[in-house]
Amino acid sequence: MSRDTELKERWDVLIEKLSAQFADGDVLELDAIIYLVGVQELGKPHATYKKDEKINLMHIAICRLLEPYGYYEFEMFDEEGWPHYIIKEELPTLKAGEQTVLMKEALVNYFIEKQYIV
């Protein structure tokens, strides 16, 4: 099975499972899944977040998702429990489609690591 085919199949399983759990069957968008990862990483799933906090949650998620690729490194938790990352390597310039594939791959790997999907 090719890498692209395997990624697509795993992505479809992930979308189906997350959408059923968090979106009453509506299909979750990529940004919504990134947001969910940010909430998971912060560890406060029942809190209500302001707009700027939601943006920060997405940033946390992106850092966490791209950490295994060597782009970010966890630095510390601040006094409010928010994780902070440092940039280890600048992201390469990617076309929109390439960015999407990278994020889908990172999300699939994250949820495999968390044993949410196989």
PDB file of N, CA and C in Angstrom:
ATOM      1  N   MET A   1       0.861  -1.177   0.000  1.00  0.00           N
ATOM      2  CA  MET A   1       0.000   0.000   0.000  1.00  0.00           C
ATOM      3  C   MET A   1       0.902   1.233   0.000  1.00  0.00           C
ATOM      4  N   SER A   2       0.582   2.184  -0.861  1.00  0.00           N
ATOM      5  CA  SER A   2       1.411   3.378  -0.935  1.00  0.00           C
ATOM      6  C   SER A   2       1.189   4.258   0.297  1.00  0.00           C
ATOM      7  N   ARG A   3       2.187   5.083   0.553  1.00  0.00           N
ATOM      8  CA  ARG A   3       2.126   5.991   1.711  1.00  0.00           C
ATOM      9  C   ARG A   3       0.919   6.917   1.599  1.00  0.00           C
ATOM     10  N   ASP A   4       0.664   7.437   0.403  1.00  0.00           N
ATOM     11  CA  ASP A   4      -0.479   8.339   0.196  1.00  0.00           C
ATOM     12  C   ASP A   4      -1.803   7.630   0.447  1.00  0.00           C
ATOM     13  N   THR A   5      -1.923   6.397  -0.021  1.00  0.00           N
ATOM     14  CA  THR A   5      -3.154   5.625   0.172  1.00  0.00           C
ATOM     15  C   THR A   5      -3.363   5.334   1.649  1.00  0.00           C
ATOM     16  N   GLU A   6      -2.288   4.941   2.326  1.00  0.00           N
ATOM     17  CA  GLU A   6      -2.370   4.644   3.760  1.00  0.00           C
ATOM     18  C   GLU A   6      -2.762   5.901   4.542  1.00  0.00           C
ATOM     19  N   LEU A   7      -2.170   7.047   4.207  1.00  0.00           N
ATOM     20  CA  LEU A   7      -2.514   8.302   4.879  1.00  0.00           C
ATOM     21  C   LEU A   7      -3.981   8.642   4.644  1.00  0.00           C
ATOM     22  N   LYS A   8      -4.448   8.498   3.411  1.00  0.00           N
ATOM     23  CA  LYS A   8      -5.850   8.818   3.120  1.00  0.00           C
ATOM     24  C   LYS A   8      -6.791   7.918   3.912  1.00  0.00           C
ATOM     25  N   GLU A   9      -6.493   6.624   3.960  1.00  0.00           N
ATOM     26  CA  GLU A   9      -7.357   5.700   4.702  1.00  0.00           C
ATOM     27  C   GLU A   9      -7.370   6.026   6.193  1.00  0.00           C
ATOM     28  N   ARG A  10      -6.207   6.289   6.752  1.00  0.00           N
ATOM     29  CA  ARG A  10      -6.141   6.631   8.174  1.00  0.00           C
ATOM     30  C   ARG A  10      -6.824   7.975   8.448  1.00  0.00           C
ATOM     31  N   TRP A  11      -6.647   8.929   7.540  1.00  0.00           N
ATOM     32  CA  TRP A  11      -7.295  10.236   7.686  1.00  0.00           C
ATOM     33  C   TRP A  11      -8.814  10.069   7.684  1.00  0.00           C
ATOM     34  N   ASP A  12      -9.324   9.270   6.769  1.00  0.00           N
ATOM     35  CA  ASP A  12     -10.769   9.036   6.689  1.00  0.00           C
ATOM     36  C   ASP A  12     -11.304   8.404   7.975  1.00  0.00           C
ATOM     37  N   VAL A  13     -10.562   7.445   8.522  1.00  0.00           N
ATOM     38  CA  VAL A  13     -10.962   6.815   9.789  1.00  0.00           C
ATOM     39  C   VAL A  13     -10.960   7.858  10.906  1.00  0.00           C
ATOM     40  N   LEU A  14      -9.917   8.675  10.955  1.00  0.00           N
ATOM     41  CA  LEU A  14      -9.810   9.711  11.986  1.00  0.00           C
ATOM     42  C   LEU A  14     -10.954  10.709  11.891  1.00  0.00           C
ATOM     43  N   ILE A  15     -11.234  11.187  10.693  1.00  0.00           N
ATOM     44  CA  ILE A  15     -12.320  12.154  10.479  1.00  0.00           C
ATOM     45  C   ILE A  15     -13.656  11.560  10.913  1.00  0.00           C
ATOM     46  N   GLU A  16     -13.902  10.326  10.515  1.00  0.00           N
ATOM     47  CA  GLU A  16     -15.168   9.674  10.858  1.00  0.00           C
ATOM     48  C   GLU A  16     -15.324   9.538  12.375  1.00  0.00           C
ATOM     49  N   LYS A  17     -14.274   9.097  13.031  1.00  0.00           N
ATOM     50  CA  LYS A  17     -14.333   8.866  14.470  1.00  0.00           C
ATOM     51  C   LYS A  17     -14.466  10.186  15.248  1.00  0.00           C
ATOM     52  N   LEU A  18     -13.650  11.184  14.908  1.00  0.00           N
ATOM     53  CA  LEU A  18     -13.724  12.481  15.598  1.00  0.00           C
ATOM     54  C   LEU A  18     -15.051  13.184  15.329  1.00  0.00           C
ATOM     55  N   SER A  19     -15.511  13.122  14.098  1.00  0.00           N
ATOM     56  CA  SER A  19     -16.779  13.776  13.743  1.00  0.00           C
ATOM     57  C   SER A  19     -17.943  13.165  14.510  1.00  0.00           C
ATOM     58  N   ALA A  20     -17.930  11.851  14.648  1.00  0.00           N
ATOM     59  CA  ALA A  20     -18.997  11.178  15.403  1.00  0.00           C
ATOM     60  C   ALA A  20     -18.945  11.566  16.878  1.00  0.00           C
ATOM     61  N   GLN A  21     -17.731  11.719  17.405  1.00  0.00           N
ATOM     62  CA  GLN A  21     -17.578  12.000  18.831  1.00  0.00           C
ATOM     63  C   GLN A  21     -17.811  13.471  19.174  1.00  0.00           C
ATOM     64  N   PHE A  22     -17.400  14.385  18.285  1.00  0.00           N
ATOM     65  CA  PHE A  22     -17.399  15.799  18.643  1.00  0.00           C
ATOM     66  C   PHE A  22     -18.304  16.688  17.800  1.00  0.00           C
ATOM     67  N   ALA A  23     -18.868  16.182  16.716  1.00  0.00           N
ATOM     68  CA  ALA A  23     -19.614  17.063  15.819  1.00  0.00           C
ATOM     69  C   ALA A  23     -20.981  16.506  15.449  1.00  0.00           C
ATOM     70  N   ASP A  24     -21.518  15.636  16.276  1.00  0.00           N
ATOM     71  CA  ASP A  24     -22.839  15.060  16.013  1.00  0.00           C
ATOM     72  C   ASP A  24     -22.981  14.569  14.582  1.00  0.00           C
ATOM     73  N   GLY A  25     -21.911  13.990  14.042  1.00  0.00           N
ATOM     74  CA  GLY A  25     -21.964  13.429  12.704  1.00  0.00           C
ATOM     75  C   GLY A  25     -21.590  14.386  11.592  1.00  0.00           C
ATOM     76  N   ASP A  26     -21.581  15.717  11.865  1.00  0.00           N
ATOM     77  CA  ASP A  26     -21.071  16.648  10.853  1.00  0.00           C
ATOM     78  C   ASP A  26     -19.590  16.355  10.651  1.00  0.00           C
ATOM     79  N   VAL A  27     -19.081  16.644   9.482  1.00  0.00           N
ATOM     80  CA  VAL A  27     -17.672  16.363   9.202  1.00  0.00           C
ATOM     81  C   VAL A  27     -16.807  17.517   9.724  1.00  0.00           C
ATOM     82  N   LEU A  28     -15.865  17.169  10.603  1.00  0.00           N
ATOM     83  CA  LEU A  28     -14.970  18.186  11.148  1.00  0.00           C
ATOM     84  C   LEU A  28     -13.963  18.637  10.096  1.00  0.00           C
ATOM     85  N   GLU A  29     -13.700  19.930  10.086  1.00  0.00           N
ATOM     86  CA  GLU A  29     -12.685  20.501   9.205  1.00  0.00           C
ATOM     87  C   GLU A  29     -11.307  20.323   9.851  1.00  0.00           C
ATOM     88  N   LEU A  30     -10.266  20.480   9.064  1.00  0.00           N
ATOM     89  CA  LEU A  30      -8.889  20.369   9.541  1.00  0.00           C
ATOM     90  C   LEU A  30      -8.626  21.313  10.713  1.00  0.00           C
ATOM     91  N   ASP A  31      -9.048  22.577  10.592  1.00  0.00           N
ATOM     92  CA  ASP A  31      -8.818  23.554  11.662  1.00  0.00           C
ATOM     93  C   ASP A  31      -9.492  23.143  12.968  1.00  0.00           C
ATOM     94  N   ALA A  32     -10.660  22.547  12.882  1.00  0.00           N
ATOM     95  CA  ALA A  32     -11.368  22.108  14.081  1.00  0.00           C
ATOM     96  C   ALA A  32     -10.605  20.989  14.783  1.00  0.00           C
ATOM     97  N   ILE A  33      -9.996  20.117  14.006  1.00  0.00           N
ATOM     98  CA  ILE A  33      -9.229  19.018  14.594  1.00  0.00           C
ATOM     99  C   ILE A  33      -7.950  19.555  15.234  1.00  0.00           C
ATOM    100  N   ILE A  34      -7.326  20.514  14.591  1.00  0.00           N
ATOM    101  CA  ILE A  34      -6.151  21.153  15.180  1.00  0.00           C
ATOM    102  C   ILE A  34      -6.532  21.808  16.505  1.00  0.00           C
ATOM    103  N   TYR A  35      -7.667  22.474  16.535  1.00  0.00           N
ATOM    104  CA  TYR A  35      -8.160  23.093  17.771  1.00  0.00           C
ATOM    105  C   TYR A  35      -8.362  22.034  18.866  1.00  0.00           C
ATOM    106  N   LEU A  36      -8.960  20.900  18.508  1.00  0.00           N
ATOM    107  CA  LEU A  36      -9.163  19.818  19.477  1.00  0.00           C
ATOM    108  C   LEU A  36      -7.837  19.334  20.065  1.00  0.00           C
ATOM    109  N   VAL A  37      -6.813  19.248  19.240  1.00  0.00           N
ATOM    110  CA  VAL A  37      -5.496  18.844  19.726  1.00  0.00           C
ATOM    111  C   VAL A  37      -4.969  19.880  20.718  1.00  0.00           C
ATOM    112  N   GLY A  38      -5.159  21.157  20.411  1.00  0.00           N
ATOM    113  CA  GLY A  38      -4.725  22.206  21.327  1.00  0.00           C
ATOM    114  C   GLY A  38      -5.408  22.096  22.681  1.00  0.00           C
ATOM    115  N   VAL A  39      -6.702  21.852  22.669  1.00  0.00           N
ATOM    116  CA  VAL A  39      -7.456  21.680  23.921  1.00  0.00           C
ATOM    117  C   VAL A  39      -6.934  20.453  24.670  1.00  0.00           C
ATOM    118  N   GLN A  40      -6.692  19.376  23.947  1.00  0.00           N
ATOM    119  CA  GLN A  40      -6.156  18.154  24.547  1.00  0.00           C
ATOM    120  C   GLN A  40      -4.799  18.417  25.191  1.00  0.00           C
ATOM    121  N   GLU A  41      -3.944  19.116  24.493  1.00  0.00           N
ATOM    122  CA  GLU A  41      -2.596  19.374  25.006  1.00  0.00           C
ATOM    123  C   GLU A  41      -2.622  20.315  26.210  1.00  0.00           C
ATOM    124  N   LEU A  42      -3.556  21.258  26.236  1.00  0.00           N
ATOM    125  CA  LEU A  42      -3.685  22.144  27.389  1.00  0.00           C
ATOM    126  C   LEU A  42      -4.248  21.382  28.587  1.00  0.00           C
ATOM    127  N   GLY A  43      -5.110  20.421  28.301  1.00  0.00           N
ATOM    128  CA  GLY A  43      -5.657  19.588  29.359  1.00  0.00           C
ATOM    129  C   GLY A  43      -6.826  20.191  30.104  1.00  0.00           C
ATOM    130  N   LYS A  44      -7.509  21.156  29.461  1.00  0.00           N
ATOM    131  CA  LYS A  44      -8.677  21.783  30.082  1.00  0.00           C
ATOM    132  C   LYS A  44      -9.847  21.732  29.099  1.00  0.00           C
ATOM    133  N   PRO A  45     -10.401  20.540  28.884  1.00  0.00           N
ATOM    134  CA  PRO A  45     -11.407  20.371  27.830  1.00  0.00           C
ATOM    135  C   PRO A  45     -12.752  21.034  28.109  1.00  0.00           C
ATOM    136  N   HIS A  46     -13.061  21.337  29.353  1.00  0.00           N
ATOM    137  CA  HIS A  46     -14.379  21.879  29.656  1.00  0.00           C
ATOM    138  C   HIS A  46     -14.374  23.383  29.867  1.00  0.00           C
ATOM    139  N   ALA A  47     -13.226  24.006  29.652  1.00  0.00           N
ATOM    140  CA  ALA A  47     -13.138  25.463  29.806  1.00  0.00           C
ATOM    141  C   ALA A  47     -13.768  26.152  28.595  1.00  0.00           C
ATOM    142  N   THR A  48     -14.157  27.402  28.796  1.00  0.00           N
ATOM    143  CA  THR A  48     -14.643  28.241  27.702  1.00  0.00           C
ATOM    144  C   THR A  48     -13.497  29.171  27.312  1.00  0.00           C
ATOM    145  N   TYR A  49     -13.227  29.252  26.019  1.00  0.00           N
ATOM    146  CA  TYR A  49     -12.082  30.013  25.555  1.00  0.00           C
ATOM    147  C   TYR A  49     -12.505  31.234  24.754  1.00  0.00           C
ATOM    148  N   LYS A  50     -11.777  32.330  24.946  1.00  0.00           N
ATOM    149  CA  LYS A  50     -11.973  33.552  24.162  1.00  0.00           C
ATOM    150  C   LYS A  50     -11.285  33.365  22.816  1.00  0.00           C
ATOM    151  N   LYS A  51     -11.579  34.292  21.891  1.00  0.00           N
ATOM    152  CA  LYS A  51     -11.051  34.183  20.540  1.00  0.00           C
ATOM    153  C   LYS A  51      -9.523  34.086  20.526  1.00  0.00           C
ATOM    154  N   ASP A  52      -8.838  34.951  21.277  1.00  0.00           N
ATOM    155  CA  ASP A  52      -7.375  34.914  21.266  1.00  0.00           C
ATOM    156  C   ASP A  52      -6.845  33.628  21.902  1.00  0.00           C
ATOM    157  N   GLU A  53      -7.557  33.097  22.869  1.00  0.00           N
ATOM    158  CA  GLU A  53      -7.149  31.828  23.470  1.00  0.00           C
ATOM    159  C   GLU A  53      -7.325  30.680  22.477  1.00  0.00           C
ATOM    160  N   LYS A  54      -8.365  30.743  21.664  1.00  0.00           N
ATOM    161  CA  LYS A  54      -8.581  29.710  20.644  1.00  0.00           C
ATOM    162  C   LYS A  54      -7.436  29.716  19.632  1.00  0.00           C
ATOM    163  N   ILE A  55      -6.981  30.904  19.270  1.00  0.00           N
ATOM    164  CA  ILE A  55      -5.840  31.018  18.354  1.00  0.00           C
ATOM    165  C   ILE A  55      -4.593  30.432  19.011  1.00  0.00           C
ATOM    166  N   ASN A  56      -4.409  30.735  20.298  1.00  0.00           N
ATOM    167  CA  ASN A  56      -3.264  30.178  21.037  1.00  0.00           C
ATOM    168  C   ASN A  56      -3.348  28.661  21.137  1.00  0.00           C
ATOM    169  N   LEU A  57      -4.563  28.125  21.303  1.00  0.00           N
ATOM    170  CA  LEU A  57      -4.738  26.671  21.342  1.00  0.00           C
ATOM    171  C   LEU A  57      -4.330  26.039  20.014  1.00  0.00           C
ATOM    172  N   MET A  58      -4.669  26.687  18.927  1.00  0.00           N
ATOM    173  CA  MET A  58      -4.287  26.155  17.611  1.00  0.00           C
ATOM    174  C   MET A  58      -2.766  26.219  17.437  1.00  0.00           C
ATOM    175  N   HIS A  59      -2.157  27.275  17.967  1.00  0.00           N
ATOM    176  CA  HIS A  59      -0.696  27.398  17.905  1.00  0.00           C
ATOM    177  C   HIS A  59      -0.030  26.281  18.707  1.00  0.00           C
ATOM    178  N   ILE A  60      -0.553  26.017  19.903  1.00  0.00           N
ATOM    179  CA  ILE A  60      -0.039  24.918  20.732  1.00  0.00           C
ATOM    180  C   ILE A  60      -0.123  23.613  19.945  1.00  0.00           C
ATOM    181  N   ALA A  61      -1.260  23.382  19.318  1.00  0.00           N
ATOM    182  CA  ALA A  61      -1.457  22.145  18.561  1.00  0.00           C
ATOM    183  C   ALA A  61      -0.455  22.025  17.421  1.00  0.00           C
ATOM    184  N   ILE A  62      -0.272  23.089  16.685  1.00  0.00           N
ATOM    185  CA  ILE A  62       0.649  23.050  15.549  1.00  0.00           C
ATOM    186  C   ILE A  62       2.068  22.769  16.037  1.00  0.00           C
ATOM    187  N   CYS A  63       2.461  23.425  17.117  1.00  0.00           N
ATOM    188  CA  CYS A  63       3.793  23.168  17.678  1.00  0.00           C
ATOM    189  C   CYS A  63       3.927  21.708  18.092  1.00  0.00           C
ATOM    190  N   ARG A  64       2.936  21.204  18.788  1.00  0.00           N
ATOM    191  CA  ARG A  64       2.971  19.814  19.263  1.00  0.00           C
ATOM    192  C   ARG A  64       2.975  18.837  18.086  1.00  0.00           C
ATOM    193  N   LEU A  65       2.158  19.123  17.081  1.00  0.00           N
ATOM    194  CA  LEU A  65       2.061  18.230  15.929  1.00  0.00           C
ATOM    195  C   LEU A  65       3.344  18.201  15.108  1.00  0.00           C
ATOM    196  N   LEU A  66       4.027  19.331  15.038  1.00  0.00           N
ATOM    197  CA  LEU A  66       5.237  19.412  14.213  1.00  0.00           C
ATOM    198  C   LEU A  66       6.516  19.169  15.019  1.00  0.00           C
ATOM    199  N   GLU A  67       6.366  18.972  16.321  1.00  0.00           N
ATOM    200  CA  GLU A  67       7.523  18.679  17.169  1.00  0.00           C
ATOM    201  C   GLU A  67       8.266  17.418  16.703  1.00  0.00           C
ATOM    202  N   PRO A  68       7.569  16.313  16.394  1.00  0.00           N
ATOM    203  CA  PRO A  68       8.295  15.112  15.950  1.00  0.00           C
ATOM    204  C   PRO A  68       9.064  15.303  14.637  1.00  0.00           C
ATOM    205  N   TYR A  69       8.722  16.330  13.882  1.00  0.00           N
ATOM    206  CA  TYR A  69       9.402  16.605  12.616  1.00  0.00           C
ATOM    207  C   TYR A  69      10.634  17.488  12.813  1.00  0.00           C
ATOM    208  N   GLY A  70      10.873  17.907  14.061  1.00  0.00           N
ATOM    209  CA  GLY A  70      12.054  18.702  14.369  1.00  0.00           C
ATOM    210  C   GLY A  70      11.891  20.201  14.232  1.00  0.00           C
ATOM    211  N   TYR A  71      10.663  20.671  14.019  1.00  0.00           N
ATOM    212  CA  TYR A  71      10.449  22.114  13.838  1.00  0.00           C
ATOM    213  C   TYR A  71      10.287  22.852  15.167  1.00  0.00           C
ATOM    214  N   TYR A  72       9.751  22.199  16.164  1.00  0.00           N
ATOM    215  CA  TYR A  72       9.521  22.819  17.473  1.00  0.00           C
ATOM    216  C   TYR A  72      10.012  21.889  18.562  1.00  0.00           C
ATOM    217  N   GLU A  73      10.283  22.481  19.728  1.00  0.00           N
ATOM    218  CA  GLU A  73      10.674  21.698  20.903  1.00  0.00           C
ATOM    219  C   GLU A  73       9.928  22.256  22.104  1.00  0.00           C
ATOM    220  N   PHE A  74       9.348  21.350  22.893  1.00  0.00           N
ATOM    221  CA  PHE A  74       8.658  21.774  24.102  1.00  0.00           C
ATOM    222  C   PHE A  74       9.660  22.462  25.014  1.00  0.00           C
ATOM    223  N   GLU A  75       9.246  23.614  25.576  1.00  0.00           N
ATOM    224  CA  GLU A  75      10.124  24.367  26.460  1.00  0.00           C
ATOM    225  C   GLU A  75       9.673  24.259  27.914  1.00  0.00           C
ATOM    226  N   MET A  76       8.392  24.603  28.174  1.00  0.00           N
ATOM    227  CA  MET A  76       7.922  24.622  29.556  1.00  0.00           C
ATOM    228  C   MET A  76       6.427  24.878  29.592  1.00  0.00           C
ATOM    229  N   PHE A  77       5.858  24.661  30.763  1.00  0.00           N
ATOM    230  CA  PHE A  77       4.499  25.103  31.050  1.00  0.00           C
ATOM    231  C   PHE A  77       4.611  26.402  31.832  1.00  0.00           C
ATOM    232  N   ASP A  78       3.782  27.397  31.476  1.00  0.00           N
ATOM    233  CA  ASP A  78       3.800  28.644  32.245  1.00  0.00           C
ATOM    234  C   ASP A  78       2.977  28.480  33.522  1.00  0.00           C
ATOM    235  N   GLU A  79       2.868  29.553  34.305  1.00  0.00           N
ATOM    236  CA  GLU A  79       2.183  29.489  35.601  1.00  0.00           C
ATOM    237  C   GLU A  79       0.695  29.167  35.475  1.00  0.00           C
ATOM    238  N   GLU A  80       0.124  29.366  34.290  1.00  0.00           N
ATOM    239  CA  GLU A  80      -1.289  29.050  34.067  1.00  0.00           C
ATOM    240  C   GLU A  80      -1.480  27.676  33.430  1.00  0.00           C
ATOM    241  N   GLY A  81      -0.382  26.963  33.230  1.00  0.00           N
ATOM    242  CA  GLY A  81      -0.460  25.620  32.684  1.00  0.00           C
ATOM    243  C   GLY A  81      -0.422  25.535  31.166  1.00  0.00           C
ATOM    244  N   TRP A  82      -0.163  26.653  30.486  1.00  0.00           N
ATOM    245  CA  TRP A  82      -0.100  26.643  29.025  1.00  0.00           C
ATOM    246  C   TRP A  82       1.287  26.190  28.587  1.00  0.00           C
ATOM    247  N   PRO A  83       1.353  25.234  27.656  1.00  0.00           N
ATOM    248  CA  PRO A  83       2.658  24.784  27.162  1.00  0.00           C
ATOM    249  C   PRO A  83       3.280  25.818  26.222  1.00  0.00           C
ATOM    250  N   HIS A  84       4.595  25.898  26.265  1.00  0.00           N
ATOM    251  CA  HIS A  84       5.339  26.803  25.386  1.00  0.00           C
ATOM    252  C   HIS A  84       6.390  25.997  24.636  1.00  0.00           C
ATOM    253  N   TYR A  85       6.590  26.358  23.389  1.00  0.00           N
ATOM    254  CA  TYR A  85       7.534  25.684  22.513  1.00  0.00           C
ATOM    255  C   TYR A  85       8.522  26.691  21.959  1.00  0.00           C
ATOM    256  N   ILE A  86       9.699  26.207  21.612  1.00  0.00           N
ATOM    257  CA  ILE A  86      10.668  27.049  20.924  1.00  0.00           C
ATOM    258  C   ILE A  86      10.823  26.517  19.502  1.00  0.00           C
ATOM    259  N   ILE A  87      11.127  27.419  18.589  1.00  0.00           N
ATOM    260  CA  ILE A  87      11.353  27.037  17.192  1.00  0.00           C
ATOM    261  C   ILE A  87      12.759  26.468  17.081  1.00  0.00           C
ATOM    262  N   LYS A  88      12.853  25.253  16.569  1.00  0.00           N
ATOM    263  CA  LYS A  88      14.158  24.626  16.360  1.00  0.00           C
ATOM    264  C   LYS A  88      14.620  24.817  14.921  1.00  0.00           C
ATOM    265  N   GLU A  89      13.656  24.779  14.017  1.00  0.00           N
ATOM    266  CA  GLU A  89      13.973  24.908  12.596  1.00  0.00           C
ATOM    267  C   GLU A  89      12.796  25.583  11.919  1.00  0.00           C
ATOM    268  N   GLU A  90      13.086  26.551  11.068  1.00  0.00           N
ATOM    269  CA  GLU A  90      12.012  27.232  10.347  1.00  0.00           C
ATOM    270  C   GLU A  90      11.310  26.246   9.414  1.00  0.00           C
ATOM    271  N   LEU A  91      10.003  26.389   9.330  1.00  0.00           N
ATOM    272  CA  LEU A  91       9.243  25.554   8.402  1.00  0.00           C
ATOM    273  C   LEU A  91       9.628  25.897   6.973  1.00  0.00           C
ATOM    274  N   PRO A  92       9.733  24.909   6.110  1.00  0.00           N
ATOM    275  CA  PRO A  92      10.020  25.210   4.704  1.00  0.00           C
ATOM    276  C   PRO A  92       8.802  25.877   4.057  1.00  0.00           C
ATOM    277  N   THR A  93       9.043  26.575   3.001  1.00  0.00           N
ATOM    278  CA  THR A  93       7.944  27.170   2.250  1.00  0.00           C
ATOM    279  C   THR A  93       7.208  26.054   1.526  1.00  0.00           C
ATOM    280  N   LEU A  94       5.936  25.900   1.864  1.00  0.00           N
ATOM    281  CA  LEU A  94       5.123  24.850   1.267  1.00  0.00           C
ATOM    282  C   LEU A  94       3.920  25.460   0.573  1.00  0.00           C
ATOM    283  N   LYS A  95       3.499  24.820  -0.501  1.00  0.00           N
ATOM    284  CA  LYS A  95       2.256  25.212  -1.150  1.00  0.00           C
ATOM    285  C   LYS A  95       1.103  24.797  -0.245  1.00  0.00           C
ATOM    286  N   ALA A  96      -0.070  25.391  -0.452  1.00  0.00           N
ATOM    287  CA  ALA A  96      -1.224  25.113   0.411  1.00  0.00           C
ATOM    288  C   ALA A  96      -1.525  23.621   0.489  1.00  0.00           C
ATOM    289  N   GLY A  97      -1.489  22.930  -0.625  1.00  0.00           N
ATOM    290  CA  GLY A  97      -1.764  21.496  -0.641  1.00  0.00           C
ATOM    291  C   GLY A  97      -0.725  20.707   0.129  1.00  0.00           C
ATOM    292  N   GLU A  98       0.527  21.131   0.037  1.00  0.00           N
ATOM    293  CA  GLU A  98       1.599  20.457   0.777  1.00  0.00           C
ATOM    294  C   GLU A  98       1.448  20.682   2.280  1.00  0.00           C
ATOM    295  N   GLN A  99       1.027  21.893   2.666  1.00  0.00           N
ATOM    296  CA  GLN A  99       0.774  22.186   4.086  1.00  0.00           C
ATOM    297  C   GLN A  99      -0.327  21.277   4.622  1.00  0.00           C
ATOM    298  N   THR A 100      -1.378  21.128   3.837  1.00  0.00           N
ATOM    299  CA  THR A 100      -2.508  20.290   4.247  1.00  0.00           C
ATOM    300  C   THR A 100      -2.064  18.851   4.439  1.00  0.00           C
ATOM    301  N   VAL A 101      -1.281  18.327   3.505  1.00  0.00           N
ATOM    302  CA  VAL A 101      -0.806  16.944   3.611  1.00  0.00           C
ATOM    303  C   VAL A 101       0.078  16.781   4.846  1.00  0.00           C
ATOM    304  N   LEU A 102       0.968  17.739   5.094  1.00  0.00           N
ATOM    305  CA  LEU A 102       1.833  17.675   6.275  1.00  0.00           C
ATOM    306  C   LEU A 102       1.002  17.667   7.555  1.00  0.00           C
ATOM    307  N   MET A 103      -0.001  18.530   7.643  1.00  0.00           N
ATOM    308  CA  MET A 103      -0.822  18.590   8.849  1.00  0.00           C
ATOM    309  C   MET A 103      -1.668  17.328   9.007  1.00  0.00           C
ATOM    310  N   LYS A 104      -2.200  16.798   7.921  1.00  0.00           N
ATOM    311  CA  LYS A 104      -2.966  15.552   8.009  1.00  0.00           C
ATOM    312  C   LYS A 104      -2.078  14.409   8.481  1.00  0.00           C
ATOM    313  N   GLU A 105      -0.877  14.333   7.934  1.00  0.00           N
ATOM    314  CA  GLU A 105       0.066  13.295   8.350  1.00  0.00           C
ATOM    315  C   GLU A 105       0.410  13.457   9.833  1.00  0.00           C
ATOM    316  N   ALA A 106       0.679  14.679  10.255  1.00  0.00           N
ATOM    317  CA  ALA A 106       1.026  14.940  11.657  1.00  0.00           C
ATOM    318  C   ALA A 106      -0.144  14.597  12.579  1.00  0.00           C
ATOM    319  N   LEU A 107      -1.360  14.927  12.157  1.00  0.00           N
ATOM    320  CA  LEU A 107      -2.546  14.609  12.965  1.00  0.00           C
ATOM    321  C   LEU A 107      -2.757  13.103  13.065  1.00  0.00           C
ATOM    322  N   VAL A 108      -2.637  12.411  11.963  1.00  0.00           N
ATOM    323  CA  VAL A 108      -2.784  10.953  11.984  1.00  0.00           C
ATOM    324  C   VAL A 108      -1.749  10.347  12.923  1.00  0.00           C
ATOM    325  N   ASN A 109      -0.509  10.788  12.817  1.00  0.00           N
ATOM    326  CA  ASN A 109       0.546  10.267  13.684  1.00  0.00           C
ATOM    327  C   ASN A 109       0.266  10.581  15.155  1.00  0.00           C
ATOM    328  N   TYR A 110      -0.233  11.770  15.436  1.00  0.00           N
ATOM    329  CA  TYR A 110      -0.574  12.167  16.807  1.00  0.00           C
ATOM    330  C   TYR A 110      -1.644  11.238  17.383  1.00  0.00           C
ATOM    331  N   PHE A 111      -2.692  10.993  16.614  1.00  0.00           N
ATOM    332  CA  PHE A 111      -3.788  10.166  17.118  1.00  0.00           C
ATOM    333  C   PHE A 111      -3.427   8.681  17.167  1.00  0.00           C
ATOM    334  N   ILE A 112      -2.474   8.250  16.354  1.00  0.00           N
ATOM    335  CA  ILE A 112      -1.938   6.896  16.489  1.00  0.00           C
ATOM    336  C   ILE A 112      -1.141   6.816  17.788  1.00  0.00           C
ATOM    337  N   GLU A 113      -0.300   7.815  18.029  1.00  0.00           N
ATOM    338  CA  GLU A 113       0.494   7.861  19.262  1.00  0.00           C
ATOM    339  C   GLU A 113      -0.406   7.850  20.501  1.00  0.00           C
ATOM    340  N   LYS A 114      -1.542   8.529  20.425  1.00  0.00           N
ATOM    341  CA  LYS A 114      -2.478   8.587  21.546  1.00  0.00           C
ATOM    342  C   LYS A 114      -3.383   7.353  21.601  1.00  0.00           C
ATOM    343  N   GLN A 115      -3.176   6.418  20.661  1.00  0.00           N
ATOM    344  CA  GLN A 115      -3.925   5.178  20.550  1.00  0.00           C
ATOM    345  C   GLN A 115      -5.431   5.419  20.332  1.00  0.00           C
ATOM    346  N   TYR A 116      -5.741   6.511  19.653  1.00  0.00           N
ATOM    347  CA  TYR A 116      -7.119   6.812  19.293  1.00  0.00           C
ATOM    348  C   TYR A 116      -7.517   6.084  18.012  1.00  0.00           C
ATOM    349  N   ILE A 117      -6.522   5.954  17.118  1.00  0.00           N
ATOM    350  CA  ILE A 117      -6.687   5.157  15.892  1.00  0.00           C
ATOM    351  C   ILE A 117      -5.453   4.265  15.763  1.00  0.00           C
ATOM    352  N   VAL A 118      -5.552   3.279  14.856  1.00  0.00           N
ATOM    353  CA  VAL A 118      -4.404   2.387  14.616  1.00  0.00           C
ATOM    354  C   VAL A 118      -3.867   2.561  13.219  1.00  0.00           C
TER     355      VAL A 118
END
